[in-house]
Amino acid sequence: MRDKIKIAIEFLKDKKSFLVGDLRLEANELGDIEITGWSQYTNFRNLTKENSLEELQGIKSLFYDKLKVSPELANFIKGKDIVFNLYFDDYGKASIEICSEKDSNICWKRDIP
């Protein structure tokens, strides 16, 4: 895992995305680090704000676990804003953004119950 994270850091330096396990790490135009994960739900109608927030928390936990094993990643993200994204995979056709979190503020991209 540490080797894959080191490769991801090189991609991030070039503002490119890289998959590390179930998460996509990316540096956006603003210099923020975006951490994206996908919902485990297979039917969009089953998504709710409550279960989406639980999944977003799971994405955050996975990312913080990666920071524990990679001091290089922890050092790289110092001073950068982190954005956590939850997407829904539309059966391989497209990824639909559900919500994101930056600085503890949730932004809903879809109208779900």
PDB file of N, CA and C in Angstrom:
ATOM      1  N   MET A   1       0.828  -1.200   0.000  1.00  0.00           N
ATOM      2  CA  MET A   1       0.000   0.000   0.000  1.00  0.00           C
ATOM      3  C   MET A   1       0.870   1.261   0.000  1.00  0.00           C
ATOM      4  N   ARG A   2       1.953   1.239   0.775  1.00  0.00           N
ATOM      5  CA  ARG A   2       2.811   2.426   0.852  1.00  0.00           C
ATOM      6  C   ARG A   2       3.399   2.789  -0.498  1.00  0.00           C
ATOM      7  N   ASP A   3       3.781   1.761  -1.279  1.00  0.00           N
ATOM      8  CA  ASP A   3       4.342   2.030  -2.609  1.00  0.00           C
ATOM      9  C   ASP A   3       3.302   2.663  -3.525  1.00  0.00           C
ATOM     10  N   LYS A   4       2.070   2.163  -3.438  1.00  0.00           N
ATOM     11  CA  LYS A   4       0.999   2.721  -4.264  1.00  0.00           C
ATOM     12  C   LYS A   4       0.724   4.177  -3.871  1.00  0.00           C
ATOM     13  N   ILE A   5       0.789   4.470  -2.586  1.00  0.00           N
ATOM     14  CA  ILE A   5       0.576   5.843  -2.120  1.00  0.00           C
ATOM     15  C   ILE A   5       1.699   6.751  -2.615  1.00  0.00           C
ATOM     16  N   LYS A   6       2.938   6.250  -2.626  1.00  0.00           N
ATOM     17  CA  LYS A   6       4.054   7.054  -3.143  1.00  0.00           C
ATOM     18  C   LYS A   6       3.843   7.397  -4.614  1.00  0.00           C
ATOM     19  N   ILE A   7       3.344   6.441  -5.370  1.00  0.00           N
ATOM     20  CA  ILE A   7       3.036   6.702  -6.784  1.00  0.00           C
ATOM     21  C   ILE A   7       1.923   7.733  -6.887  1.00  0.00           C
ATOM     22  N   ALA A   8       0.908   7.599  -6.032  1.00  0.00           N
ATOM     23  CA  ALA A   8      -0.216   8.544  -6.037  1.00  0.00           C
ATOM     24  C   ALA A   8       0.281   9.962  -5.778  1.00  0.00           C
ATOM     25  N   ILE A   9       1.223  10.128  -4.877  1.00  0.00           N
ATOM     26  CA  ILE A   9       1.756  11.464  -4.573  1.00  0.00           C
ATOM     27  C   ILE A   9       2.383  12.080  -5.814  1.00  0.00           C
ATOM     28  N   GLU A  10       3.095  11.296  -6.586  1.00  0.00           N
ATOM     29  CA  GLU A  10       3.693  11.808  -7.825  1.00  0.00           C
ATOM     30  C   GLU A  10       2.605  12.253  -8.806  1.00  0.00           C
ATOM     31  N   PHE A  11       1.531  11.494  -8.897  1.00  0.00           N
ATOM     32  CA  PHE A  11       0.407  11.886  -9.746  1.00  0.00           C
ATOM     33  C   PHE A  11      -0.227  13.178  -9.234  1.00  0.00           C
ATOM     34  N   LEU A  12      -0.390  13.277  -7.920  1.00  0.00           N
ATOM     35  CA  LEU A  12      -0.985  14.477  -7.326  1.00  0.00           C
ATOM     36  C   LEU A  12      -0.142  15.714  -7.619  1.00  0.00           C
ATOM     37  N   LYS A  13       1.165  15.561  -7.596  1.00  0.00           N
ATOM     38  CA  LYS A  13       2.056  16.692  -7.892  1.00  0.00           C
ATOM     39  C   LYS A  13       1.810  17.211  -9.307  1.00  0.00           C
ATOM     40  N   ASP A  14       1.425  16.309 -10.208  1.00  0.00           N
ATOM     41  CA  ASP A  14       1.137  16.683 -11.602  1.00  0.00           C
ATOM     42  C   ASP A  14      -0.334  16.989 -11.832  1.00  0.00           C
ATOM     43  N   LYS A  15      -1.091  17.119 -10.742  1.00  0.00           N
ATOM     44  CA  LYS A  15      -2.538  17.403 -10.804  1.00  0.00           C
ATOM     45  C   LYS A  15      -3.306  16.325 -11.575  1.00  0.00           C
ATOM     46  N   LYS A  16      -2.900  15.085 -11.371  1.00  0.00           N
ATOM     47  CA  LYS A  16      -3.578  13.945 -11.977  1.00  0.00           C
ATOM     48  C   LYS A  16      -4.163  13.083 -10.865  1.00  0.00           C
ATOM     49  N   SER A  17      -5.160  12.297 -11.214  1.00  0.00           N
ATOM     50  CA  SER A  17      -5.794  11.434 -10.218  1.00  0.00           C
ATOM     51  C   SER A  17      -5.143  10.053 -10.222  1.00  0.00           C
ATOM     52  N   PHE A  18      -5.335   9.348  -9.099  1.00  0.00           N
ATOM     53  CA  PHE A  18      -4.768   8.009  -8.965  1.00  0.00           C
ATOM     54  C   PHE A  18      -5.620   7.228  -7.970  1.00  0.00           C
ATOM     55  N   LEU A  19      -5.929   5.978  -8.315  1.00  0.00           N
ATOM     56  CA  LEU A  19      -6.698   5.117  -7.418  1.00  0.00           C
ATOM     57  C   LEU A  19      -5.779   4.440  -6.420  1.00  0.00           C
ATOM     58  N   VAL A  20      -6.152   4.536  -5.157  1.00  0.00           N
ATOM     59  CA  VAL A  20      -5.460   3.827  -4.088  1.00  0.00           C
ATOM     60  C   VAL A  20      -6.530   3.048  -3.347  1.00  0.00           C
ATOM     61  N   GLY A  21      -6.589   1.764  -3.596  1.00  0.00           N
ATOM     62  CA  GLY A  21      -7.652   0.945  -3.025  1.00  0.00           C
ATOM     63  C   GLY A  21      -8.987   1.381  -3.601  1.00  0.00           C
ATOM     64  N   ASP A  22      -9.937   1.688  -2.739  1.00  0.00           N
ATOM     65  CA  ASP A  22     -11.275   2.100  -3.173  1.00  0.00           C
ATOM     66  C   ASP A  22     -11.422   3.612  -3.307  1.00  0.00           C
ATOM     67  N   LEU A  23     -10.334   4.340  -3.175  1.00  0.00           N
ATOM     68  CA  LEU A  23     -10.407   5.805  -3.210  1.00  0.00           C
ATOM     69  C   LEU A  23      -9.621   6.367  -4.392  1.00  0.00           C
ATOM     70  N   ARG A  24     -10.178   7.424  -4.974  1.00  0.00           N
ATOM     71  CA  ARG A  24      -9.441   8.170  -5.996  1.00  0.00           C
ATOM     72  C   ARG A  24      -8.914   9.434  -5.335  1.00  0.00           C
ATOM     73  N   LEU A  25      -7.616   9.653  -5.431  1.00  0.00           N
ATOM     74  CA  LEU A  25      -6.973  10.852  -4.911  1.00  0.00           C
ATOM     75  C   LEU A  25      -6.664  11.758  -6.085  1.00  0.00           C
ATOM     76  N   GLU A  26      -6.928  13.062  -5.911  1.00  0.00           N
ATOM     77  CA  GLU A  26      -6.741  13.996  -7.012  1.00  0.00           C
ATOM     78  C   GLU A  26      -6.440  15.377  -6.458  1.00  0.00           C
ATOM     79  N   ALA A  27      -5.593  16.121  -7.144  1.00  0.00           N
ATOM     80  CA  ALA A  27      -5.348  17.522  -6.802  1.00  0.00           C
ATOM     81  C   ALA A  27      -6.099  18.360  -7.823  1.00  0.00           C
ATOM     82  N   ASN A  28      -6.972  19.244  -7.344  1.00  0.00           N
ATOM     83  CA  ASN A  28      -7.754  20.058  -8.280  1.00  0.00           C
ATOM     84  C   ASN A  28      -7.024  21.360  -8.610  1.00  0.00           C
ATOM     85  N   GLU A  29      -7.658  22.179  -9.454  1.00  0.00           N
ATOM     86  CA  GLU A  29      -7.051  23.421  -9.929  1.00  0.00           C
ATOM     87  C   GLU A  29      -6.736  24.401  -8.806  1.00  0.00           C
ATOM     88  N   LEU A  30      -7.488  24.319  -7.715  1.00  0.00           N
ATOM     89  CA  LEU A  30      -7.286  25.228  -6.584  1.00  0.00           C
ATOM     90  C   LEU A  30      -6.187  24.751  -5.639  1.00  0.00           C
ATOM     91  N   GLY A  31      -5.655  23.566  -5.903  1.00  0.00           N
ATOM     92  CA  GLY A  31      -4.645  23.005  -5.017  1.00  0.00           C
ATOM     93  C   GLY A  31      -5.235  22.161  -3.903  1.00  0.00           C
ATOM     94  N   ASP A  32      -6.566  22.030  -3.885  1.00  0.00           N
ATOM     95  CA  ASP A  32      -7.218  21.152  -2.909  1.00  0.00           C
ATOM     96  C   ASP A  32      -6.920  19.698  -3.260  1.00  0.00           C
ATOM     97  N   ILE A  33      -6.913  18.862  -2.264  1.00  0.00           N
ATOM     98  CA  ILE A  33      -6.799  17.424  -2.480  1.00  0.00           C
ATOM     99  C   ILE A  33      -8.202  16.839  -2.387  1.00  0.00           C
ATOM    100  N   GLU A  34      -8.643  16.204  -3.463  1.00  0.00           N
ATOM    101  CA  GLU A  34      -9.971  15.600  -3.492  1.00  0.00           C
ATOM    102  C   GLU A  34      -9.851  14.100  -3.287  1.00  0.00           C
ATOM    103  N   ILE A  35     -10.652  13.604  -2.364  1.00  0.00           N
ATOM    104  CA  ILE A  35     -10.703  12.181  -2.039  1.00  0.00           C
ATOM    105  C   ILE A  35     -12.098  11.706  -2.419  1.00  0.00           C
ATOM    106  N   THR A  36     -12.171  10.797  -3.376  1.00  0.00           N
ATOM    107  CA  THR A  36     -13.457  10.350  -3.890  1.00  0.00           C
ATOM    108  C   THR A  36     -13.647   8.867  -3.654  1.00  0.00           C
ATOM    109  N   GLY A  37     -14.848   8.538  -3.194  1.00  0.00           N
ATOM    110  CA  GLY A  37     -15.261   7.148  -3.031  1.00  0.00           C
ATOM    111  C   GLY A  37     -16.645   6.979  -3.636  1.00  0.00           C
ATOM    112  N   TRP A  38     -17.033   5.727  -3.834  1.00  0.00           N
ATOM    113  CA  TRP A  38     -18.300   5.428  -4.485  1.00  0.00           C
ATOM    114  C   TRP A  38     -19.239   4.707  -3.540  1.00  0.00           C
ATOM    115  N   SER A  39     -20.503   5.023  -3.696  1.00  0.00           N
ATOM    116  CA  SER A  39     -21.533   4.417  -2.858  1.00  0.00           C
ATOM    117  C   SER A  39     -21.575   2.911  -3.058  1.00  0.00           C
ATOM    118  N   GLN A  40     -21.901   2.210  -2.010  1.00  0.00           N
ATOM    119  CA  GLN A  40     -22.072   0.765  -2.069  1.00  0.00           C
ATOM    120  C   GLN A  40     -23.471   0.386  -2.545  1.00  0.00           C
ATOM    121  N   TYR A  41     -24.345   1.378  -2.641  1.00  0.00           N
ATOM    122  CA  TYR A  41     -25.715   1.109  -3.084  1.00  0.00           C
ATOM    123  C   TYR A  41     -25.732   0.899  -4.592  1.00  0.00           C
ATOM    124  N   THR A  42     -26.539  -0.055  -5.029  1.00  0.00           N
ATOM    125  CA  THR A  42     -26.629  -0.352  -6.457  1.00  0.00           C
ATOM    126  C   THR A  42     -27.873   0.244  -7.094  1.00  0.00           C
ATOM    127  N   ASN A  43     -28.793   0.730  -6.278  1.00  0.00           N
ATOM    128  CA  ASN A  43     -30.002   1.358  -6.791  1.00  0.00           C
ATOM    129  C   ASN A  43     -30.045   2.790  -6.265  1.00  0.00           C
ATOM    130  N   PHE A  44     -30.055   3.744  -7.181  1.00  0.00           N
ATOM    131  CA  PHE A  44     -30.023   5.156  -6.809  1.00  0.00           C
ATOM    132  C   PHE A  44     -31.179   5.529  -5.889  1.00  0.00           C
ATOM    133  N   ARG A  45     -32.316   4.898  -6.067  1.00  0.00           N
ATOM    134  CA  ARG A  45     -33.498   5.221  -5.257  1.00  0.00           C
ATOM    135  C   ARG A  45     -33.327   4.861  -3.784  1.00  0.00           C
ATOM    136  N   ASN A  46     -32.363   4.003  -3.497  1.00  0.00           N
ATOM    137  CA  ASN A  46     -32.127   3.608  -2.106  1.00  0.00           C
ATOM    138  C   ASN A  46     -31.246   4.600  -1.348  1.00  0.00           C
ATOM    139  N   LEU A  47     -30.692   5.568  -2.060  1.00  0.00           N
ATOM    140  CA  LEU A  47     -29.837   6.559  -1.397  1.00  0.00           C
ATOM    141  C   LEU A  47     -30.673   7.540  -0.592  1.00  0.00           C
ATOM    142  N   THR A  48     -30.198   7.814   0.605  1.00  0.00           N
ATOM    143  CA  THR A  48     -30.803   8.852   1.446  1.00  0.00           C
ATOM    144  C   THR A  48     -29.674   9.744   1.944  1.00  0.00           C
ATOM    145  N   LYS A  49     -30.036  10.880   2.475  1.00  0.00           N
ATOM    146  CA  LYS A  49     -29.007  11.753   3.046  1.00  0.00           C
ATOM    147  C   LYS A  49     -28.313  11.062   4.211  1.00  0.00           C
ATOM    148  N   GLU A  50     -29.084  10.344   4.993  1.00  0.00           N
ATOM    149  CA  GLU A  50     -28.506   9.666   6.157  1.00  0.00           C
ATOM    150  C   GLU A  50     -27.474   8.618   5.747  1.00  0.00           C
ATOM    151  N   ASN A  51     -27.843   7.727   4.820  1.00  0.00           N
ATOM    152  CA  ASN A  51     -26.869   6.697   4.467  1.00  0.00           C
ATOM    153  C   ASN A  51     -25.730   7.265   3.622  1.00  0.00           C
ATOM    154  N   SER A  52     -25.977   8.358   2.903  1.00  0.00           N
ATOM    155  CA  SER A  52     -24.898   9.005   2.149  1.00  0.00           C
ATOM    156  C   SER A  52     -23.872   9.621   3.101  1.00  0.00           C
ATOM    157  N   LEU A  53     -24.344  10.220   4.187  1.00  0.00           N
ATOM    158  CA  LEU A  53     -23.422  10.784   5.173  1.00  0.00           C
ATOM    159  C   LEU A  53     -22.605   9.688   5.852  1.00  0.00           C
ATOM    160  N   GLU A  54     -23.223   8.536   6.082  1.00  0.00           N
ATOM    161  CA  GLU A  54     -22.487   7.403   6.659  1.00  0.00           C
ATOM    162  C   GLU A  54     -21.396   6.939   5.690  1.00  0.00           C
ATOM    163  N   GLU A  55     -21.737   6.874   4.411  1.00  0.00           N
ATOM    164  CA  GLU A  55     -20.742   6.453   3.424  1.00  0.00           C
ATOM    165  C   GLU A  55     -19.634   7.495   3.279  1.00  0.00           C
ATOM    166  N   LEU A  56     -19.973   8.763   3.353  1.00  0.00           N
ATOM    167  CA  LEU A  56     -18.970   9.816   3.295  1.00  0.00           C
ATOM    168  C   LEU A  56     -18.015   9.699   4.487  1.00  0.00           C
ATOM    169  N   GLN A  57     -18.561   9.374   5.649  1.00  0.00           N
ATOM    170  CA  GLN A  57     -17.720   9.156   6.834  1.00  0.00           C
ATOM    171  C   GLN A  57     -16.785   7.965   6.621  1.00  0.00           C
ATOM    172  N   GLY A  58     -17.283   6.933   5.952  1.00  0.00           N
ATOM    173  CA  GLY A  58     -16.446   5.771   5.639  1.00  0.00           C
ATOM    174  C   GLY A  58     -15.293   6.137   4.712  1.00  0.00           C
ATOM    175  N   ILE A  59     -15.555   7.013   3.751  1.00  0.00           N
ATOM    176  CA  ILE A  59     -14.504   7.483   2.840  1.00  0.00           C
ATOM    177  C   ILE A  59     -13.439   8.230   3.637  1.00  0.00           C
ATOM    178  N   LYS A  60     -13.873   9.074   4.548  1.00  0.00           N
ATOM    179  CA  LYS A  60     -12.934   9.819   5.378  1.00  0.00           C
ATOM    180  C   LYS A  60     -12.087   8.867   6.224  1.00  0.00           C
ATOM    181  N   SER A  61     -12.715   7.859   6.799  1.00  0.00           N
ATOM    182  CA  SER A  61     -11.988   6.888   7.627  1.00  0.00           C
ATOM    183  C   SER A  61     -10.945   6.137   6.802  1.00  0.00           C
ATOM    184  N   LEU A  62     -11.324   5.716   5.601  1.00  0.00           N
ATOM    185  CA  LEU A  62     -10.362   5.025   4.724  1.00  0.00           C
ATOM    186  C   LEU A  62      -9.161   5.924   4.423  1.00  0.00           C
ATOM    187  N   PHE A  63      -9.434   7.189   4.149  1.00  0.00           N
ATOM    188  CA  PHE A  63      -8.347   8.113   3.847  1.00  0.00           C
ATOM    189  C   PHE A  63      -7.440   8.316   5.058  1.00  0.00           C
ATOM    190  N   TYR A  64      -8.028   8.515   6.232  1.00  0.00           N
ATOM    191  CA  TYR A  64      -7.210   8.718   7.427  1.00  0.00           C
ATOM    192  C   TYR A  64      -6.399   7.464   7.768  1.00  0.00           C
ATOM    193  N   ASP A  65      -6.924   6.287   7.444  1.00  0.00           N
ATOM    194  CA  ASP A  65      -6.142   5.055   7.613  1.00  0.00           C
ATOM    195  C   ASP A  65      -4.908   5.078   6.714  1.00  0.00           C
ATOM    196  N   LYS A  66      -5.059   5.588   5.503  1.00  0.00           N
ATOM    197  CA  LYS A  66      -3.927   5.680   4.583  1.00  0.00           C
ATOM    198  C   LYS A  66      -2.883   6.676   5.094  1.00  0.00           C
ATOM    199  N   LEU A  67      -3.346   7.742   5.720  1.00  0.00           N
ATOM    200  CA  LEU A  67      -2.406   8.717   6.291  1.00  0.00           C
ATOM    201  C   LEU A  67      -1.568   8.088   7.402  1.00  0.00           C
ATOM    202  N   LYS A  68      -2.166   7.171   8.152  1.00  0.00           N
ATOM    203  CA  LYS A  68      -1.441   6.526   9.250  1.00  0.00           C
ATOM    204  C   LYS A  68      -0.276   5.685   8.747  1.00  0.00           C
ATOM    205  N   VAL A  69      -0.420   5.102   7.557  1.00  0.00           N
ATOM    206  CA  VAL A  69       0.645   4.238   7.033  1.00  0.00           C
ATOM    207  C   VAL A  69       1.600   4.983   6.103  1.00  0.00           C
ATOM    208  N   SER A  70       1.279   6.239   5.789  1.00  0.00           N
ATOM    209  CA  SER A  70       2.132   6.974   4.855  1.00  0.00           C
ATOM    210  C   SER A  70       2.457   8.375   5.360  1.00  0.00           C
ATOM    211  N   PRO A  71       3.586   8.513   6.042  1.00  0.00           N
ATOM    212  CA  PRO A  71       4.003   9.850   6.469  1.00  0.00           C
ATOM    213  C   PRO A  71       4.228  10.774   5.272  1.00  0.00           C
ATOM    214  N   GLU A  72       4.594  10.189   4.119  1.00  0.00           N
ATOM    215  CA  GLU A  72       4.807  10.998   2.915  1.00  0.00           C
ATOM    216  C   GLU A  72       3.503  11.674   2.472  1.00  0.00           C
ATOM    217  N   LEU A  73       2.402  10.927   2.508  1.00  0.00           N
ATOM    218  CA  LEU A  73       1.116  11.499   2.135  1.00  0.00           C
ATOM    219  C   LEU A  73       0.681  12.543   3.157  1.00  0.00           C
ATOM    220  N   ALA A  74       0.869  12.240   4.430  1.00  0.00           N
ATOM    221  CA  ALA A  74       0.519  13.197   5.484  1.00  0.00           C
ATOM    222  C   ALA A  74       1.299  14.495   5.300  1.00  0.00           C
ATOM    223  N   ASN A  75       2.550  14.387   4.958  1.00  0.00           N
ATOM    224  CA  ASN A  75       3.382  15.569   4.734  1.00  0.00           C
ATOM    225  C   ASN A  75       2.936  16.320   3.476  1.00  0.00           C
ATOM    226  N   PHE A  76       2.596  15.582   2.426  1.00  0.00           N
ATOM    227  CA  PHE A  76       2.188  16.201   1.162  1.00  0.00           C
ATOM    228  C   PHE A  76       0.919  17.039   1.309  1.00  0.00           C
ATOM    229  N   ILE A  77      -0.020  16.578   2.123  1.00  0.00           N
ATOM    230  CA  ILE A  77      -1.304  17.284   2.231  1.00  0.00           C
ATOM    231  C   ILE A  77      -1.284  18.430   3.245  1.00  0.00           C
ATOM    232  N   LYS A  78      -0.197  18.564   3.994  1.00  0.00           N
ATOM    233  CA  LYS A  78      -0.119  19.642   4.989  1.00  0.00           C
ATOM    234  C   LYS A  78      -0.389  20.980   4.325  1.00  0.00           C
ATOM    235  N   GLY A  79      -1.279  21.763   4.946  1.00  0.00           N
ATOM    236  CA  GLY A  79      -1.589  23.092   4.454  1.00  0.00           C
ATOM    237  C   GLY A  79      -2.552  23.127   3.279  1.00  0.00           C
ATOM    238  N   LYS A  80      -2.984  21.959   2.823  1.00  0.00           N
ATOM    239  CA  LYS A  80      -3.927  21.902   1.708  1.00  0.00           C
ATOM    240  C   LYS A  80      -5.324  21.596   2.233  1.00  0.00           C
ATOM    241  N   ASP A  81      -6.318  22.135   1.560  1.00  0.00           N
ATOM    242  CA  ASP A  81      -7.695  21.802   1.906  1.00  0.00           C
ATOM    243  C   ASP A  81      -8.021  20.425   1.345  1.00  0.00           C
ATOM    244  N   ILE A  82      -8.805  19.657   2.099  1.00  0.00           N
ATOM    245  CA  ILE A  82      -9.216  18.321   1.692  1.00  0.00           C
ATOM    246  C   ILE A  82     -10.712  18.351   1.388  1.00  0.00           C
ATOM    247  N   VAL A  83     -11.076  17.809   0.246  1.00  0.00           N
ATOM    248  CA  VAL A  83     -12.472  17.701  -0.157  1.00  0.00           C
ATOM    249  C   VAL A  83     -12.790  16.211  -0.279  1.00  0.00           C
ATOM    250  N   PHE A  84     -13.817  15.777   0.423  1.00  0.00           N
ATOM    251  CA  PHE A  84     -14.258  14.387   0.338  1.00  0.00           C
ATOM    252  C   PHE A  84     -15.506  14.328  -0.536  1.00  0.00           C
ATOM    253  N   ASN A  85     -15.516  13.412  -1.498  1.00  0.00           N
ATOM    254  CA  ASN A  85     -16.626  13.273  -2.439  1.00  0.00           C
ATOM    255  C   ASN A  85     -17.226  11.880  -2.369  1.00  0.00           C
ATOM    256  N   LEU A  86     -18.551  11.828  -2.468  1.00  0.00           N
ATOM    257  CA  LEU A  86     -19.260  10.562  -2.595  1.00  0.00           C
ATOM    258  C   LEU A  86     -19.957  10.545  -3.950  1.00  0.00           C
ATOM    259  N   TYR A  87     -19.686   9.497  -4.720  1.00  0.00           N
ATOM    260  CA  TYR A  87     -20.297   9.323  -6.027  1.00  0.00           C
ATOM    261  C   TYR A  87     -21.111   8.043  -6.053  1.00  0.00           C
ATOM    262  N   PHE A  88     -22.056   7.994  -6.972  1.00  0.00           N
ATOM    263  CA  PHE A  88     -22.832   6.792  -7.254  1.00  0.00           C
ATOM    264  C   PHE A  88     -22.379   6.293  -8.619  1.00  0.00           C
ATOM    265  N   ASP A  89     -22.035   5.003  -8.697  1.00  0.00           N
ATOM    266  CA  ASP A  89     -21.615   4.406  -9.960  1.00  0.00           C
ATOM    267  C   ASP A  89     -22.853   3.901 -10.681  1.00  0.00           C
ATOM    268  N   ASP A  90     -23.168   4.510 -11.811  1.00  0.00           N
ATOM    269  CA  ASP A  90     -24.352   4.167 -12.601  1.00  0.00           C
ATOM    270  C   ASP A  90     -24.049   2.962 -13.493  1.00  0.00           C
ATOM    271  N   TYR A  91     -23.802   1.823 -12.837  1.00  0.00           N
ATOM    272  CA  TYR A  91     -23.563   0.561 -13.537  1.00  0.00           C
ATOM    273  C   TYR A  91     -22.460   0.673 -14.582  1.00  0.00           C
ATOM    274  N   GLY A  92     -21.413   1.415 -14.267  1.00  0.00           N
ATOM    275  CA  GLY A  92     -20.277   1.541 -15.164  1.00  0.00           C
ATOM    276  C   GLY A  92     -20.466   2.555 -16.277  1.00  0.00           C
ATOM    277  N   LYS A  93     -21.648   3.157 -16.379  1.00  0.00           N
ATOM    278  CA  LYS A  93     -21.904   4.134 -17.444  1.00  0.00           C
ATOM    279  C   LYS A  93     -21.343   5.504 -17.079  1.00  0.00           C
ATOM    280  N   ALA A  94     -21.568   5.906 -15.854  1.00  0.00           N
ATOM    281  CA  ALA A  94     -21.127   7.228 -15.405  1.00  0.00           C
ATOM    282  C   ALA A  94     -21.083   7.245 -13.888  1.00  0.00           C
ATOM    283  N   SER A  95     -20.343   8.185 -13.354  1.00  0.00           N
ATOM    284  CA  SER A  95     -20.344   8.408 -11.914  1.00  0.00           C
ATOM    285  C   SER A  95     -21.155   9.666 -11.653  1.00  0.00           C
ATOM    286  N   ILE A  96     -22.096   9.550 -10.734  1.00  0.00           N
ATOM    287  CA  ILE A  96     -22.975  10.664 -10.398  1.00  0.00           C
ATOM    288  C   ILE A  96     -22.578  11.173  -9.018  1.00  0.00           C
ATOM    289  N   GLU A  97     -22.229  12.457  -8.932  1.00  0.00           N
ATOM    290  CA  GLU A  97     -21.817  13.015  -7.651  1.00  0.00           C
ATOM    291  C   GLU A  97     -23.025  13.192  -6.747  1.00  0.00           C
ATOM    292  N   ILE A  98     -22.920  12.669  -5.537  1.00  0.00           N
ATOM    293  CA  ILE A  98     -23.999  12.749  -4.546  1.00  0.00           C
ATOM    294  C   ILE A  98     -23.785  13.945  -3.623  1.00  0.00           C
ATOM    295  N   CYS A  99     -22.614  13.981  -3.002  1.00  0.00           N
ATOM    296  CA  CYS A  99     -22.322  15.071  -2.074  1.00  0.00           C
ATOM    297  C   CYS A  99     -20.819  15.191  -1.886  1.00  0.00           C
ATOM    298  N   SER A 100     -20.426  16.311  -1.296  1.00  0.00           N
ATOM    299  CA  SER A 100     -19.021  16.516  -0.963  1.00  0.00           C
ATOM    300  C   SER A 100     -18.941  17.222   0.390  1.00  0.00           C
ATOM    301  N   GLU A 101     -17.778  17.148   0.981  1.00  0.00           N
ATOM    302  CA  GLU A 101     -17.543  17.815   2.255  1.00  0.00           C
ATOM    303  C   GLU A 101     -16.190  18.500   2.218  1.00  0.00           C
ATOM    304  N   LYS A 102     -16.201  19.774   2.583  1.00  0.00           N
ATOM    305  CA  LYS A 102     -14.965  20.538   2.705  1.00  0.00           C
ATOM    306  C   LYS A 102     -15.102  21.403   3.955  1.00  0.00           C
ATOM    307  N   ASP A 103     -14.108  21.361   4.804  1.00  0.00           N
ATOM    308  CA  ASP A 103     -14.130  22.146   6.051  1.00  0.00           C
ATOM    309  C   ASP A 103     -15.396  21.885   6.859  1.00  0.00           C
ATOM    310  N   SER A 104     -15.814  20.638   6.930  1.00  0.00           N
ATOM    311  CA  SER A 104     -16.996  20.197   7.681  1.00  0.00           C
ATOM    312  C   SER A 104     -18.314  20.711   7.107  1.00  0.00           C
ATOM    313  N   ASN A 105     -18.292  21.279   5.914  1.00  0.00           N
ATOM    314  CA  ASN A 105     -19.506  21.746   5.249  1.00  0.00           C
ATOM    315  C   ASN A 105     -19.912  20.749   4.163  1.00  0.00           C
ATOM    316  N   ILE A 106     -21.139  20.270   4.243  1.00  0.00           N
ATOM    317  CA  ILE A 106     -21.661  19.313   3.272  1.00  0.00           C
ATOM    318  C   ILE A 106     -22.345  20.077   2.140  1.00  0.00           C
ATOM    319  N   CYS A 107     -22.040  19.686   0.921  1.00  0.00           N
ATOM    320  CA  CYS A 107     -22.667  20.262  -0.257  1.00  0.00           C
ATOM    321  C   CYS A 107     -23.370  19.117  -0.999  1.00  0.00           C
ATOM    322  N   TRP A 108     -24.675  19.211  -1.102  1.00  0.00           N
ATOM    323  CA  TRP A 108     -25.454  18.175  -1.780  1.00  0.00           C
ATOM    324  C   TRP A 108     -25.527  18.492  -3.256  1.00  0.00           C
ATOM    325  N   LYS A 109     -25.164  17.505  -4.079  1.00  0.00           N
ATOM    326  CA  LYS A 109     -25.170  17.681  -5.534  1.00  0.00           C
ATOM    327  C   LYS A 109     -26.427  17.111  -6.164  1.00  0.00           C
ATOM    328  N   ARG A 110     -27.145  16.286  -5.426  1.00  0.00           N
ATOM    329  CA  ARG A 110     -28.370  15.667  -5.906  1.00  0.00           C
ATOM    330  C   ARG A 110     -29.433  15.836  -4.840  1.00  0.00           C
ATOM    331  N   ASP A 111     -30.659  15.913  -5.291  1.00  0.00           N
ATOM    332  CA  ASP A 111     -31.803  16.016  -4.383  1.00  0.00           C
ATOM    333  C   ASP A 111     -32.228  14.605  -3.992  1.00  0.00           C
ATOM    334  N   ILE A 112     -31.803  14.203  -2.809  1.00  0.00           N
ATOM    335  CA  ILE A 112     -32.199  12.883  -2.300  1.00  0.00           C
ATOM    336  C   ILE A 112     -32.889  13.066  -0.953  1.00  0.00           C
ATOM    337  N   PRO A 113     -33.731  12.107  -0.586  1.00  0.00           N
ATOM    338  CA  PRO A 113     -34.485  12.248   0.676  1.00  0.00           C
ATOM    339  C   PRO A 113     -33.609  12.124   1.918  1.00  0.00           C
TER     340      PRO A 113
END
